[in-house]
């Protein structure tokens, strides 16, 4: 019975916005934005090298299968 009471109290606190772990920007949003920024920071200067490496890898796989 105590567990059920704690669950209901926690749910009501979240509905009222009194969740102590609630922040302005959730951590997963910040991680997603930072990951996208890192991908762009790597992709922009090295785009041609990355595309060439992937094309080379794909051509070696497809030519080796025949």
Protein backbone atom coordinates (compact mmCIF):
# COMPACT_ATOMS: atom_id res chain seq x y z
CA UNK A 1 0.00 0.00 0.00
CA UNK A 2 2.90 2.35 0.74
CA UNK A 3 4.30 1.75 -2.75
CA UNK A 4 0.98 2.71 -4.35
CA UNK A 5 0.81 5.88 -2.25
CA UNK A 6 4.33 6.85 -3.27
CA UNK A 7 3.55 6.23 -6.95
CA UNK A 8 0.41 8.39 -6.81
CA UNK A 9 2.23 11.16 -4.93
CA UNK A 10 5.07 11.13 -7.48
CA UNK A 11 2.63 11.27 -10.39
CA UNK A 12 0.75 14.18 -8.84
CA UNK A 13 4.00 16.06 -8.21
CA UNK A 14 4.97 15.64 -11.87
CA UNK A 15 1.58 16.85 -13.03
CA UNK A 16 1.90 19.92 -10.81
CA UNK A 17 5.41 20.57 -12.12
CA UNK A 18 7.10 19.93 -8.78
CA UNK A 19 9.47 17.24 -10.06
CA UNK A 20 12.89 18.01 -8.54
CA UNK A 21 14.70 16.42 -11.49
CA UNK A 22 12.92 18.54 -14.07
CA UNK A 23 15.14 21.20 -15.63
CA UNK A 24 14.78 23.89 -18.25
CA UNK A 25 16.54 21.76 -20.86
CA UNK A 26 16.51 18.01 -20.31
CA UNK A 27 19.84 16.27 -20.54
CA UNK A 28 18.90 14.18 -23.57
CA UNK A 29 18.09 17.31 -25.56
CA UNK A 30 21.48 18.80 -24.75
CA UNK A 31 23.24 15.55 -25.67
CA UNK A 32 21.36 15.41 -28.99
CA UNK A 33 22.23 18.99 -29.87
CA UNK A 34 25.88 18.54 -28.91
CA UNK A 35 26.12 15.31 -30.94
CA UNK A 36 24.65 17.03 -34.00
CA UNK A 37 27.11 19.90 -33.57
CA UNK A 38 30.03 17.46 -33.35
CA UNK A 39 28.89 15.60 -36.47
CA UNK A 40 28.67 18.89 -38.38
CA UNK A 41 32.02 20.05 -37.05
CA UNK A 42 33.63 16.85 -38.34
CA UNK A 43 31.62 16.58 -41.55
CA UNK A 44 32.11 20.11 -42.89
CA UNK A 45 35.90 20.21 -43.20
CA UNK A 46 36.36 16.51 -44.00
CA UNK A 47 33.32 15.89 -46.23
CA UNK A 48 35.26 15.06 -49.39
CA UNK A 49 37.61 12.69 -47.56
CA UNK A 50 34.72 10.92 -45.82
CA UNK A 51 32.75 10.52 -49.06
CA UNK A 52 35.85 9.22 -50.87
CA UNK A 53 36.59 6.74 -48.07
CA UNK A 54 33.01 5.41 -48.06
CA UNK A 55 32.93 5.13 -51.86
CA UNK A 56 36.27 3.32 -51.81
CA UNK A 57 35.05 0.91 -49.12
CA UNK A 58 31.80 0.21 -50.98
CA UNK A 59 33.54 -0.32 -54.30
CA UNK A 60 36.01 -2.75 -52.74
CA UNK A 61 33.16 -4.74 -51.19
CA UNK A 62 31.06 -4.86 -54.37
CA UNK A 63 34.01 -5.64 -56.67
CA UNK A 64 35.19 -8.43 -54.35
CA UNK A 65 31.79 -10.17 -54.47
CA UNK A 66 31.92 -10.82 -58.26
